[in-house]
N, C-alpha and C. Protein backbone atom coordinates (compact mmCIF):
# COMPACT_ATOMS: atom_id res chain seq x y z
N MET A 1 181.67 249.90 142.64
CA MET A 1 181.07 249.28 141.48
C MET A 1 180.79 247.81 141.80
N SER A 2 179.61 247.33 141.39
CA SER A 2 179.24 245.95 141.69
C SER A 2 180.08 244.97 140.87
N THR A 3 180.10 243.74 141.30
CA THR A 3 180.83 242.69 140.59
C THR A 3 180.26 242.49 139.20
N ALA A 4 178.93 242.54 139.08
CA ALA A 4 178.29 242.37 137.77
C ALA A 4 178.67 243.51 136.83
N ALA A 5 178.70 244.73 137.35
CA ALA A 5 179.08 245.88 136.52
C ALA A 5 180.53 245.77 136.08
N GLN A 6 181.39 245.36 136.99
CA GLN A 6 182.80 245.19 136.65
C GLN A 6 182.97 244.10 135.60
N ALA A 7 182.25 243.00 135.75
CA ALA A 7 182.34 241.90 134.79
C ALA A 7 181.88 242.36 133.41
N LEU A 8 180.80 243.16 133.38
CA LEU A 8 180.31 243.66 132.09
C LEU A 8 181.32 244.60 131.46
N ARG A 9 181.89 245.51 132.25
CA ARG A 9 182.89 246.44 131.72
C ARG A 9 184.09 245.68 131.16
N GLU A 10 184.53 244.68 131.90
CA GLU A 10 185.67 243.89 131.43
C GLU A 10 185.35 243.14 130.15
N LYS A 11 184.12 242.67 130.04
CA LYS A 11 183.70 241.93 128.85
C LYS A 11 183.57 242.86 127.65
N GLN A 12 183.06 244.08 127.88
CA GLN A 12 182.83 245.01 126.78
C GLN A 12 184.08 245.79 126.38
N ALA A 13 185.05 245.93 127.27
CA ALA A 13 186.24 246.75 126.97
C ALA A 13 186.94 246.33 125.69
N PRO A 14 187.26 245.04 125.49
CA PRO A 14 187.93 244.67 124.24
C PRO A 14 187.03 244.83 123.02
N ILE A 15 185.73 244.67 123.22
CA ILE A 15 184.78 244.86 122.11
C ILE A 15 184.79 246.32 121.68
N LYS A 16 184.69 247.23 122.66
CA LYS A 16 184.71 248.67 122.35
C LYS A 16 186.02 249.08 121.70
N ASP A 17 187.13 248.55 122.21
CA ASP A 17 188.43 248.87 121.60
C ASP A 17 188.48 248.42 120.15
N GLY A 18 187.94 247.26 119.88
CA GLY A 18 187.88 246.75 118.51
C GLY A 18 187.07 247.66 117.61
N TYR A 19 185.97 248.19 118.12
CA TYR A 19 185.12 249.09 117.33
C TYR A 19 185.82 250.42 117.09
N ARG A 20 186.63 250.87 118.06
CA ARG A 20 187.38 252.11 117.86
C ARG A 20 188.44 251.93 116.77
N ARG A 21 189.06 250.76 116.74
CA ARG A 21 190.09 250.48 115.73
C ARG A 21 189.49 250.24 114.34
N ASP A 22 188.35 249.54 114.30
CA ASP A 22 187.72 249.19 113.02
C ASP A 22 186.22 249.42 113.13
N ALA A 23 185.78 250.60 112.70
CA ALA A 23 184.37 250.97 112.83
C ALA A 23 183.45 249.98 112.11
N SER A 24 183.91 249.41 111.00
CA SER A 24 183.04 248.51 110.23
C SER A 24 182.73 247.22 111.00
N SER A 25 183.58 246.86 111.97
CA SER A 25 183.33 245.64 112.74
C SER A 25 182.15 245.79 113.70
N ALA A 26 181.69 247.03 113.93
CA ALA A 26 180.57 247.27 114.84
C ALA A 26 179.22 247.16 114.15
N VAL A 27 179.24 247.07 112.84
CA VAL A 27 177.99 247.06 112.07
C VAL A 27 177.55 245.62 111.86
N VAL A 28 176.33 245.33 112.18
CA VAL A 28 175.78 244.00 112.01
C VAL A 28 174.40 244.13 111.37
N THR A 29 174.01 243.13 110.61
CA THR A 29 172.67 243.08 110.05
C THR A 29 171.89 242.02 110.80
N LEU A 30 170.91 242.43 111.59
CA LEU A 30 170.04 241.50 112.30
C LEU A 30 169.00 240.98 111.32
N LYS A 31 168.53 239.76 111.54
CA LYS A 31 167.59 239.15 110.60
C LYS A 31 166.50 238.40 111.34
N SER A 32 165.35 238.30 110.69
CA SER A 32 164.26 237.49 111.19
C SER A 32 163.51 236.95 109.99
N SER A 33 162.89 235.80 110.16
CA SER A 33 162.07 235.26 109.08
C SER A 33 160.93 234.46 109.68
N GLY A 34 159.91 234.26 108.88
CA GLY A 34 158.76 233.50 109.31
C GLY A 34 158.13 232.84 108.11
N SER A 35 157.22 231.92 108.35
CA SER A 35 156.56 231.24 107.24
C SER A 35 155.05 231.34 107.39
N ILE A 36 154.41 231.35 106.25
CA ILE A 36 152.95 231.39 106.19
C ILE A 36 152.50 230.24 105.29
N ASP A 37 151.28 229.78 105.50
CA ASP A 37 150.75 228.72 104.65
C ASP A 37 149.24 228.86 104.56
N ASP A 38 148.62 227.86 103.94
CA ASP A 38 147.19 227.96 103.71
C ASP A 38 146.35 227.35 104.83
N SER A 39 146.98 226.97 105.95
CA SER A 39 146.23 226.31 107.02
C SER A 39 145.53 227.28 107.96
N SER A 40 146.09 228.50 108.12
CA SER A 40 145.50 229.46 109.05
C SER A 40 146.05 230.85 108.78
N ILE A 41 145.45 231.83 109.44
CA ILE A 41 145.92 233.21 109.33
C ILE A 41 146.93 233.43 110.45
N THR A 42 148.11 232.89 110.25
CA THR A 42 149.19 233.01 111.22
C THR A 42 150.51 233.17 110.49
N CYS A 43 151.53 233.56 111.22
CA CYS A 43 152.89 233.61 110.70
C CYS A 43 153.78 232.99 111.76
N LYS A 44 154.43 231.88 111.42
CA LYS A 44 155.29 231.17 112.36
C LYS A 44 156.70 231.70 112.26
N LEU A 45 157.21 232.24 113.37
CA LEU A 45 158.57 232.75 113.37
C LEU A 45 159.55 231.60 113.35
N SER A 46 160.61 231.77 112.58
CA SER A 46 161.64 230.74 112.46
C SER A 46 162.75 231.01 113.44
N THR A 47 162.81 230.22 114.49
CA THR A 47 163.91 230.31 115.45
C THR A 47 164.43 228.91 115.67
N GLY A 48 165.71 228.79 115.93
CA GLY A 48 166.32 227.49 116.15
C GLY A 48 165.84 226.86 117.44
N ALA A 49 165.98 225.55 117.52
CA ALA A 49 165.53 224.80 118.69
C ALA A 49 166.21 225.28 119.96
N ALA A 50 167.47 225.69 119.85
CA ALA A 50 168.22 226.11 121.05
C ALA A 50 167.76 227.44 121.60
N VAL A 51 167.03 228.23 120.82
CA VAL A 51 166.64 229.56 121.30
C VAL A 51 165.12 229.71 121.40
N LYS A 52 164.40 228.61 121.57
CA LYS A 52 162.94 228.70 121.66
C LYS A 52 162.50 229.58 122.82
N GLU A 53 163.19 229.51 123.95
CA GLU A 53 162.84 230.32 125.10
C GLU A 53 163.27 231.77 124.93
N ALA A 54 164.10 232.04 123.93
CA ALA A 54 164.65 233.38 123.77
C ALA A 54 163.59 234.41 123.46
N SER A 55 162.45 233.98 122.94
CA SER A 55 161.41 234.95 122.65
C SER A 55 160.88 235.58 123.94
N ARG A 56 161.24 235.00 125.07
CA ARG A 56 160.80 235.53 126.35
C ARG A 56 161.94 236.11 127.17
N ILE A 57 163.19 235.91 126.73
CA ILE A 57 164.33 236.38 127.49
C ILE A 57 165.20 237.27 126.61
N ALA A 58 165.30 238.53 126.98
CA ALA A 58 166.15 239.46 126.23
C ALA A 58 167.50 239.56 126.90
N GLY A 59 168.52 239.65 126.09
CA GLY A 59 169.88 239.80 126.61
C GLY A 59 170.69 240.65 125.66
N LEU A 60 171.95 240.82 125.97
CA LEU A 60 172.83 241.59 125.11
C LEU A 60 173.19 240.79 123.86
N HIS A 61 173.28 241.48 122.74
CA HIS A 61 173.77 240.86 121.51
C HIS A 61 175.25 240.55 121.72
N PRO A 62 175.76 239.48 121.12
CA PRO A 62 177.19 239.18 121.28
C PRO A 62 178.10 240.35 120.89
N LYS A 63 177.68 241.20 119.95
CA LYS A 63 178.49 242.36 119.55
C LYS A 63 178.50 243.45 120.63
N ALA A 64 177.67 243.27 121.67
CA ALA A 64 177.66 244.21 122.79
C ALA A 64 178.14 243.54 124.08
N GLY A 65 178.68 242.34 123.96
CA GLY A 65 179.20 241.64 125.12
C GLY A 65 178.31 240.53 125.63
N GLY A 66 177.25 240.23 124.92
CA GLY A 66 176.35 239.15 125.34
C GLY A 66 176.89 237.79 124.95
N ASP A 67 176.27 236.77 125.51
CA ASP A 67 176.65 235.40 125.21
C ASP A 67 176.00 234.94 123.90
N ASP A 68 176.52 233.89 123.33
CA ASP A 68 175.95 233.28 122.13
C ASP A 68 174.51 232.86 122.45
N PRO A 69 173.52 233.34 121.68
CA PRO A 69 172.12 233.00 121.99
C PRO A 69 171.83 231.51 121.91
N ALA A 70 172.61 230.76 121.14
CA ALA A 70 172.40 229.32 121.06
C ALA A 70 172.76 228.65 122.38
N ILE A 71 173.61 229.30 123.15
CA ILE A 71 174.03 228.76 124.45
C ILE A 71 173.19 229.37 125.58
N SER A 72 173.04 230.71 125.55
CA SER A 72 172.36 231.40 126.65
C SER A 72 170.85 231.34 126.55
N GLY A 73 170.33 231.17 125.34
CA GLY A 73 168.87 231.22 125.15
C GLY A 73 168.32 232.63 125.16
N GLU A 74 169.21 233.62 125.04
CA GLU A 74 168.78 235.02 125.07
C GLU A 74 168.91 235.63 123.67
N LEU A 75 167.95 236.46 123.33
CA LEU A 75 168.01 237.18 122.06
C LEU A 75 168.16 238.66 122.32
N CYS A 76 168.80 239.32 121.40
CA CYS A 76 168.90 240.78 121.40
C CYS A 76 167.51 241.36 121.14
N SER A 77 167.21 242.49 121.75
CA SER A 77 165.92 243.14 121.54
C SER A 77 165.72 243.54 120.09
N GLY A 78 166.81 243.84 119.38
CA GLY A 78 166.71 244.14 117.95
C GLY A 78 166.17 242.96 117.17
N ASP A 79 166.61 241.74 117.53
CA ASP A 79 166.07 240.54 116.90
C ASP A 79 164.58 240.43 117.17
N MET A 80 164.19 240.76 118.41
CA MET A 80 162.78 240.68 118.78
C MET A 80 161.95 241.71 118.01
N LEU A 81 162.53 242.89 117.78
CA LEU A 81 161.83 243.91 116.99
C LEU A 81 161.58 243.40 115.58
N LEU A 82 162.60 242.78 114.98
CA LEU A 82 162.42 242.23 113.64
C LEU A 82 161.43 241.07 113.65
N ASP A 83 161.47 240.26 114.71
CA ASP A 83 160.49 239.18 114.83
C ASP A 83 159.06 239.75 114.87
N ALA A 84 158.88 240.84 115.60
CA ALA A 84 157.55 241.47 115.68
C ALA A 84 157.12 241.98 114.31
N LEU A 85 158.05 242.56 113.57
CA LEU A 85 157.74 243.06 112.23
C LEU A 85 157.39 241.91 111.30
N VAL A 86 158.16 240.83 111.34
CA VAL A 86 157.88 239.66 110.50
C VAL A 86 156.52 239.07 110.86
N ALA A 87 156.28 238.88 112.16
CA ALA A 87 155.01 238.27 112.59
C ALA A 87 153.82 239.12 112.20
N CYS A 88 153.89 240.42 112.47
CA CYS A 88 152.75 241.30 112.19
C CYS A 88 152.50 241.41 110.69
N SER A 89 153.55 241.60 109.91
CA SER A 89 153.35 241.75 108.47
C SER A 89 152.90 240.43 107.84
N GLY A 90 153.38 239.30 108.37
CA GLY A 90 152.93 238.01 107.85
C GLY A 90 151.46 237.77 108.11
N VAL A 91 151.02 238.06 109.32
CA VAL A 91 149.60 237.91 109.66
C VAL A 91 148.76 238.89 108.85
N THR A 92 149.22 240.13 108.74
CA THR A 92 148.48 241.14 107.97
C THR A 92 148.35 240.70 106.52
N LEU A 93 149.44 240.21 105.94
CA LEU A 93 149.39 239.74 104.55
C LEU A 93 148.35 238.63 104.40
N LYS A 94 148.33 237.69 105.35
CA LYS A 94 147.35 236.60 105.27
C LYS A 94 145.92 237.11 105.36
N VAL A 95 145.68 238.08 106.23
CA VAL A 95 144.33 238.65 106.36
C VAL A 95 143.93 239.34 105.06
N VAL A 96 144.82 240.15 104.53
CA VAL A 96 144.52 240.88 103.29
C VAL A 96 144.34 239.91 102.13
N ALA A 97 145.19 238.91 102.04
CA ALA A 97 145.06 237.91 100.96
C ALA A 97 143.72 237.19 101.06
N THR A 98 143.31 236.87 102.27
CA THR A 98 142.02 236.21 102.47
C THR A 98 140.88 237.11 102.01
N ALA A 99 140.96 238.40 102.38
CA ALA A 99 139.92 239.35 101.99
C ALA A 99 139.87 239.55 100.47
N LEU A 100 141.03 239.50 99.82
CA LEU A 100 141.09 239.71 98.37
C LEU A 100 140.93 238.41 97.58
N ASN A 101 140.71 237.31 98.28
CA ASN A 101 140.59 236.00 97.65
C ASN A 101 141.84 235.65 96.84
N ILE A 102 143.00 235.89 97.44
CA ILE A 102 144.27 235.51 96.84
C ILE A 102 144.77 234.29 97.63
N PRO A 103 144.75 233.11 97.00
CA PRO A 103 145.16 231.90 97.73
C PRO A 103 146.68 231.82 97.89
N ILE A 104 147.14 231.93 99.12
CA ILE A 104 148.56 231.80 99.42
C ILE A 104 148.80 230.36 99.85
N ILE A 105 149.56 229.63 99.04
CA ILE A 105 149.89 228.24 99.37
C ILE A 105 150.95 228.21 100.46
N SER A 106 152.01 228.99 100.25
CA SER A 106 153.10 229.07 101.22
C SER A 106 153.89 230.34 100.96
N GLY A 107 154.78 230.64 101.87
CA GLY A 107 155.60 231.82 101.66
C GLY A 107 156.53 232.07 102.82
N THR A 108 157.45 232.99 102.62
CA THR A 108 158.33 233.40 103.70
C THR A 108 158.30 234.92 103.80
N VAL A 109 158.46 235.37 105.01
CA VAL A 109 158.55 236.80 105.31
C VAL A 109 159.92 236.98 105.96
N SER A 110 160.68 237.95 105.49
CA SER A 110 162.00 238.16 106.09
C SER A 110 162.21 239.64 106.37
N ALA A 111 162.96 239.91 107.42
CA ALA A 111 163.30 241.28 107.78
C ALA A 111 164.76 241.32 108.18
N GLU A 112 165.44 242.35 107.72
CA GLU A 112 166.83 242.60 108.08
C GLU A 112 166.95 244.04 108.53
N GLY A 113 167.80 244.28 109.51
CA GLY A 113 168.02 245.64 109.98
C GLY A 113 169.48 245.86 110.29
N ASP A 114 170.04 246.95 109.78
CA ASP A 114 171.45 247.27 109.99
C ASP A 114 171.61 248.08 111.27
N LEU A 115 172.54 247.65 112.10
CA LEU A 115 172.75 248.24 113.42
C LEU A 115 174.25 248.41 113.65
N ASP A 116 174.65 249.60 114.05
CA ASP A 116 176.05 249.91 114.33
C ASP A 116 176.22 249.98 115.84
N PHE A 117 176.92 249.02 116.40
CA PHE A 117 177.05 248.94 117.86
C PHE A 117 177.94 250.02 118.46
N ARG A 118 178.64 250.79 117.65
CA ARG A 118 179.42 251.89 118.20
C ARG A 118 178.50 252.91 118.86
N GLY A 119 177.30 253.08 118.30
CA GLY A 119 176.35 254.03 118.86
C GLY A 119 175.81 253.60 120.21
N THR A 120 175.33 252.38 120.29
CA THR A 120 174.71 251.92 121.53
C THR A 120 175.72 251.67 122.65
N LEU A 121 176.98 251.45 122.29
CA LEU A 121 178.01 251.27 123.32
C LEU A 121 178.75 252.56 123.65
N GLY A 122 178.36 253.67 123.01
CA GLY A 122 178.97 254.95 123.31
C GLY A 122 180.41 255.08 122.83
N VAL A 123 180.80 254.28 121.86
CA VAL A 123 182.16 254.34 121.32
C VAL A 123 182.32 255.54 120.41
N ASP A 124 181.26 255.86 119.65
CA ASP A 124 181.28 256.97 118.70
C ASP A 124 179.94 257.70 118.80
N ARG A 125 179.97 258.91 119.30
CA ARG A 125 178.72 259.66 119.50
C ARG A 125 178.05 260.06 118.20
N THR A 126 178.76 259.99 117.09
CA THR A 126 178.13 260.31 115.81
C THR A 126 177.45 259.10 115.18
N ALA A 127 177.73 257.90 115.70
CA ALA A 127 177.09 256.68 115.17
C ALA A 127 175.66 256.60 115.71
N SER A 128 174.75 256.18 114.86
CA SER A 128 173.35 256.07 115.26
C SER A 128 173.16 255.00 116.32
N VAL A 129 172.22 255.27 117.22
CA VAL A 129 171.77 254.26 118.16
C VAL A 129 170.47 253.73 117.58
N GLY A 130 170.43 252.48 117.30
CA GLY A 130 169.26 251.88 116.67
C GLY A 130 169.52 251.51 115.23
N MET A 131 168.58 250.81 114.64
CA MET A 131 168.72 250.37 113.26
C MET A 131 168.56 251.55 112.31
N THR A 132 169.42 251.59 111.31
CA THR A 132 169.36 252.68 110.34
C THR A 132 168.60 252.29 109.08
N ASP A 133 168.63 251.03 108.72
CA ASP A 133 167.93 250.55 107.52
C ASP A 133 167.28 249.22 107.84
N ILE A 134 166.00 249.11 107.51
CA ILE A 134 165.26 247.86 107.69
C ILE A 134 164.68 247.48 106.34
N ARG A 135 164.87 246.20 105.97
CA ARG A 135 164.35 245.68 104.71
C ARG A 135 163.38 244.54 105.02
N LEU A 136 162.16 244.66 104.50
CA LEU A 136 161.11 243.66 104.71
C LEU A 136 160.79 243.04 103.36
N GLY A 137 160.78 241.73 103.28
CA GLY A 137 160.52 241.06 102.00
C GLY A 137 159.57 239.88 102.15
N PHE A 138 158.87 239.60 101.06
CA PHE A 138 157.93 238.48 101.00
C PHE A 138 158.25 237.63 99.77
N GLN A 139 158.26 236.33 99.95
CA GLN A 139 158.37 235.39 98.84
C GLN A 139 157.15 234.49 98.95
N LEU A 140 156.27 234.55 97.96
CA LEU A 140 154.99 233.85 98.05
C LEU A 140 154.82 232.80 96.96
N GLN A 141 154.17 231.71 97.33
CA GLN A 141 153.69 230.71 96.36
C GLN A 141 152.18 230.86 96.35
N VAL A 142 151.67 231.36 95.21
CA VAL A 142 150.24 231.65 95.10
C VAL A 142 149.57 230.50 94.35
N GLY A 143 148.41 230.09 94.86
CA GLY A 143 147.67 228.99 94.24
C GLY A 143 146.63 229.49 93.25
N GLU A 144 145.86 228.56 92.78
CA GLU A 144 144.78 228.87 91.83
C GLU A 144 143.49 229.04 92.60
N ARG A 145 142.70 229.99 92.17
CA ARG A 145 141.40 230.23 92.81
C ARG A 145 140.43 229.10 92.46
N ASP A 146 139.37 229.02 93.26
CA ASP A 146 138.34 228.00 93.02
C ASP A 146 137.73 228.13 91.64
N ASP A 147 137.63 229.38 91.15
CA ASP A 147 137.04 229.60 89.83
C ASP A 147 138.05 229.43 88.70
N GLY A 148 139.29 229.07 89.05
CA GLY A 148 140.31 228.83 88.03
C GLY A 148 141.07 230.07 87.57
N LYS A 149 140.67 231.25 88.02
CA LYS A 149 141.34 232.48 87.60
C LYS A 149 142.69 232.61 88.32
N GLU A 150 143.69 233.03 87.56
CA GLU A 150 145.01 233.24 88.14
C GLU A 150 145.08 234.59 88.83
N VAL A 151 145.96 234.68 89.80
CA VAL A 151 146.21 235.93 90.50
C VAL A 151 147.11 236.78 89.60
N THR A 152 146.71 238.04 89.41
CA THR A 152 147.46 238.93 88.52
C THR A 152 148.55 239.68 89.26
N GLU A 153 149.47 240.26 88.50
CA GLU A 153 150.53 241.09 89.09
C GLU A 153 149.92 242.29 89.80
N GLU A 154 148.85 242.85 89.23
CA GLU A 154 148.19 244.00 89.84
C GLU A 154 147.61 243.63 91.21
N GLU A 155 147.06 242.43 91.30
CA GLU A 155 146.50 241.99 92.57
C GLU A 155 147.60 241.78 93.61
N LEU A 156 148.73 241.24 93.18
CA LEU A 156 149.86 241.07 94.10
C LEU A 156 150.40 242.42 94.56
N GLU A 157 150.43 243.39 93.66
CA GLU A 157 150.88 244.73 94.03
C GLU A 157 149.92 245.34 95.05
N LYS A 158 148.63 245.15 94.84
CA LYS A 158 147.63 245.65 95.79
C LYS A 158 147.78 244.95 97.14
N LEU A 159 148.04 243.65 97.11
CA LEU A 159 148.27 242.89 98.33
C LEU A 159 149.44 243.49 99.11
N GLY A 160 150.51 243.82 98.42
CA GLY A 160 151.68 244.42 99.06
C GLY A 160 151.37 245.78 99.67
N LYS A 161 150.68 246.62 98.91
CA LYS A 161 150.36 247.96 99.40
C LYS A 161 149.43 247.92 100.61
N LEU A 162 148.44 247.04 100.57
CA LEU A 162 147.51 246.96 101.69
C LEU A 162 148.16 246.32 102.92
N THR A 163 149.06 245.36 102.70
CA THR A 163 149.80 244.78 103.81
C THR A 163 150.63 245.86 104.49
N GLU A 164 151.32 246.65 103.69
CA GLU A 164 152.12 247.75 104.23
C GLU A 164 151.25 248.74 104.99
N ARG A 165 150.11 249.06 104.42
CA ARG A 165 149.22 250.07 105.03
C ARG A 165 148.64 249.61 106.37
N TYR A 166 148.32 248.33 106.50
CA TYR A 166 147.60 247.87 107.68
C TYR A 166 148.45 247.10 108.69
N CYS A 167 149.73 246.95 108.44
CA CYS A 167 150.61 246.27 109.40
C CYS A 167 150.93 247.23 110.55
N VAL A 168 150.47 246.91 111.73
CA VAL A 168 150.62 247.80 112.89
C VAL A 168 152.08 248.06 113.22
N VAL A 169 152.90 247.03 113.25
CA VAL A 169 154.31 247.21 113.61
C VAL A 169 155.03 248.03 112.55
N LEU A 170 154.79 247.72 111.29
CA LEU A 170 155.43 248.48 110.21
C LEU A 170 155.03 249.95 110.26
N GLN A 171 153.76 250.22 110.42
CA GLN A 171 153.30 251.60 110.47
C GLN A 171 153.82 252.32 111.70
N THR A 172 153.98 251.60 112.81
CA THR A 172 154.56 252.21 114.01
C THR A 172 155.99 252.64 113.74
N LEU A 173 156.76 251.80 113.06
CA LEU A 173 158.14 252.15 112.73
C LEU A 173 158.21 253.30 111.74
N VAL A 174 157.37 253.26 110.72
CA VAL A 174 157.38 254.27 109.66
C VAL A 174 156.95 255.64 110.18
N ASN A 175 155.94 255.66 111.03
CA ASN A 175 155.36 256.93 111.47
C ASN A 175 155.95 257.50 112.75
N LYS A 176 156.96 256.89 113.30
CA LYS A 176 157.67 257.39 114.47
C LYS A 176 156.73 257.96 115.53
N PRO A 177 156.14 257.10 116.32
CA PRO A 177 155.19 257.58 117.32
C PRO A 177 155.86 258.43 118.39
N LYS A 178 155.06 259.23 119.07
CA LYS A 178 155.56 259.96 120.23
C LYS A 178 155.79 258.92 121.33
N VAL A 179 156.94 258.97 121.92
CA VAL A 179 157.28 258.03 122.98
C VAL A 179 157.67 258.82 124.21
N SER A 180 157.15 258.43 125.35
CA SER A 180 157.56 259.06 126.60
C SER A 180 158.22 258.01 127.48
N VAL A 181 159.18 258.43 128.22
CA VAL A 181 159.92 257.52 129.09
C VAL A 181 159.83 258.07 130.51
N SER A 182 159.49 257.22 131.46
CA SER A 182 159.48 257.64 132.86
C SER A 182 160.34 256.66 133.66
N MET A 183 160.86 257.14 134.74
CA MET A 183 161.73 256.33 135.58
C MET A 183 161.28 256.48 137.02
N ALA A 184 161.10 255.39 137.70
CA ALA A 184 160.76 255.41 139.12
C ALA A 184 161.50 254.27 139.79
N GLY A 185 161.85 254.45 141.01
CA GLY A 185 162.54 253.38 141.70
C GLY A 185 162.64 253.64 143.18
N LYS A 186 162.95 252.59 143.89
CA LYS A 186 163.15 252.70 145.33
C LYS A 186 164.43 251.96 145.67
N GLY A 187 165.11 252.47 146.63
CA GLY A 187 166.34 251.84 147.08
C GLY A 187 166.70 252.32 148.46
N ARG A 188 167.66 251.68 149.05
CA ARG A 188 168.09 252.06 150.38
C ARG A 188 169.50 252.58 150.29
N GLY A 189 169.65 253.90 150.16
CA GLY A 189 170.98 254.52 150.16
C GLY A 189 171.48 254.70 151.57
N LYS A 190 172.71 255.18 151.69
CA LYS A 190 173.28 255.41 153.02
C LYS A 190 172.47 256.39 153.83
N ASP A 191 172.10 257.53 153.19
CA ASP A 191 171.41 258.57 153.94
C ASP A 191 169.97 258.76 153.48
N GLY A 192 169.56 258.00 152.48
CA GLY A 192 168.26 258.26 151.89
C GLY A 192 167.13 257.50 152.56
N ASP A 193 165.92 257.87 152.15
CA ASP A 193 164.75 257.20 152.69
C ASP A 193 164.28 256.08 151.77
N GLY A 194 165.06 255.80 150.71
CA GLY A 194 164.69 254.71 149.83
C GLY A 194 163.87 255.12 148.63
N THR A 195 163.71 256.41 148.42
CA THR A 195 162.90 256.87 147.29
C THR A 195 163.79 257.60 146.29
N ALA A 196 163.67 257.22 145.03
CA ALA A 196 164.39 257.93 143.95
C ALA A 196 163.39 258.79 143.20
N GLN A 197 163.79 260.02 142.86
CA GLN A 197 162.88 260.92 142.15
C GLN A 197 163.47 261.36 140.84
């Protein structure tokens, strides 16, 4: 076993033991948020200054033996998934609002997802691997139209339905696409020619 593998096992062993003793300690709610405004059709993800590079570096969540993201600059892929959902739905909302002539002054988009680390660490085979519940929310400050007409509740409801319908990331999660996984690699084993099949 490599030194890195041994170090990871040693780091995860007490975490796994803790999850076996207290299953509720393995459950975490991941979160993401972003902001939208009237300057452009964009959604700015809210991440702390210490983890700006984390959007490019994936690592283990601390509940799986990873380092504190504020120190390591690494984010859990689950955080990145929620970031993608926040970003896509925020941009989609802005596009739809623009098309419907609904002036959005400002707003926040937030996503939370519940994840039980007993599943992904193999502590409990009955625990789900992946998020079991995701909640997406919008808080909007709506302005007045040029013609002075106020935005109605019905228009906001339509904005929500169309945002949900046309958000690529949300629809990908909801409709469970067919996914295929392939594995290829090369290496130099003791007796092998360096090809893995």
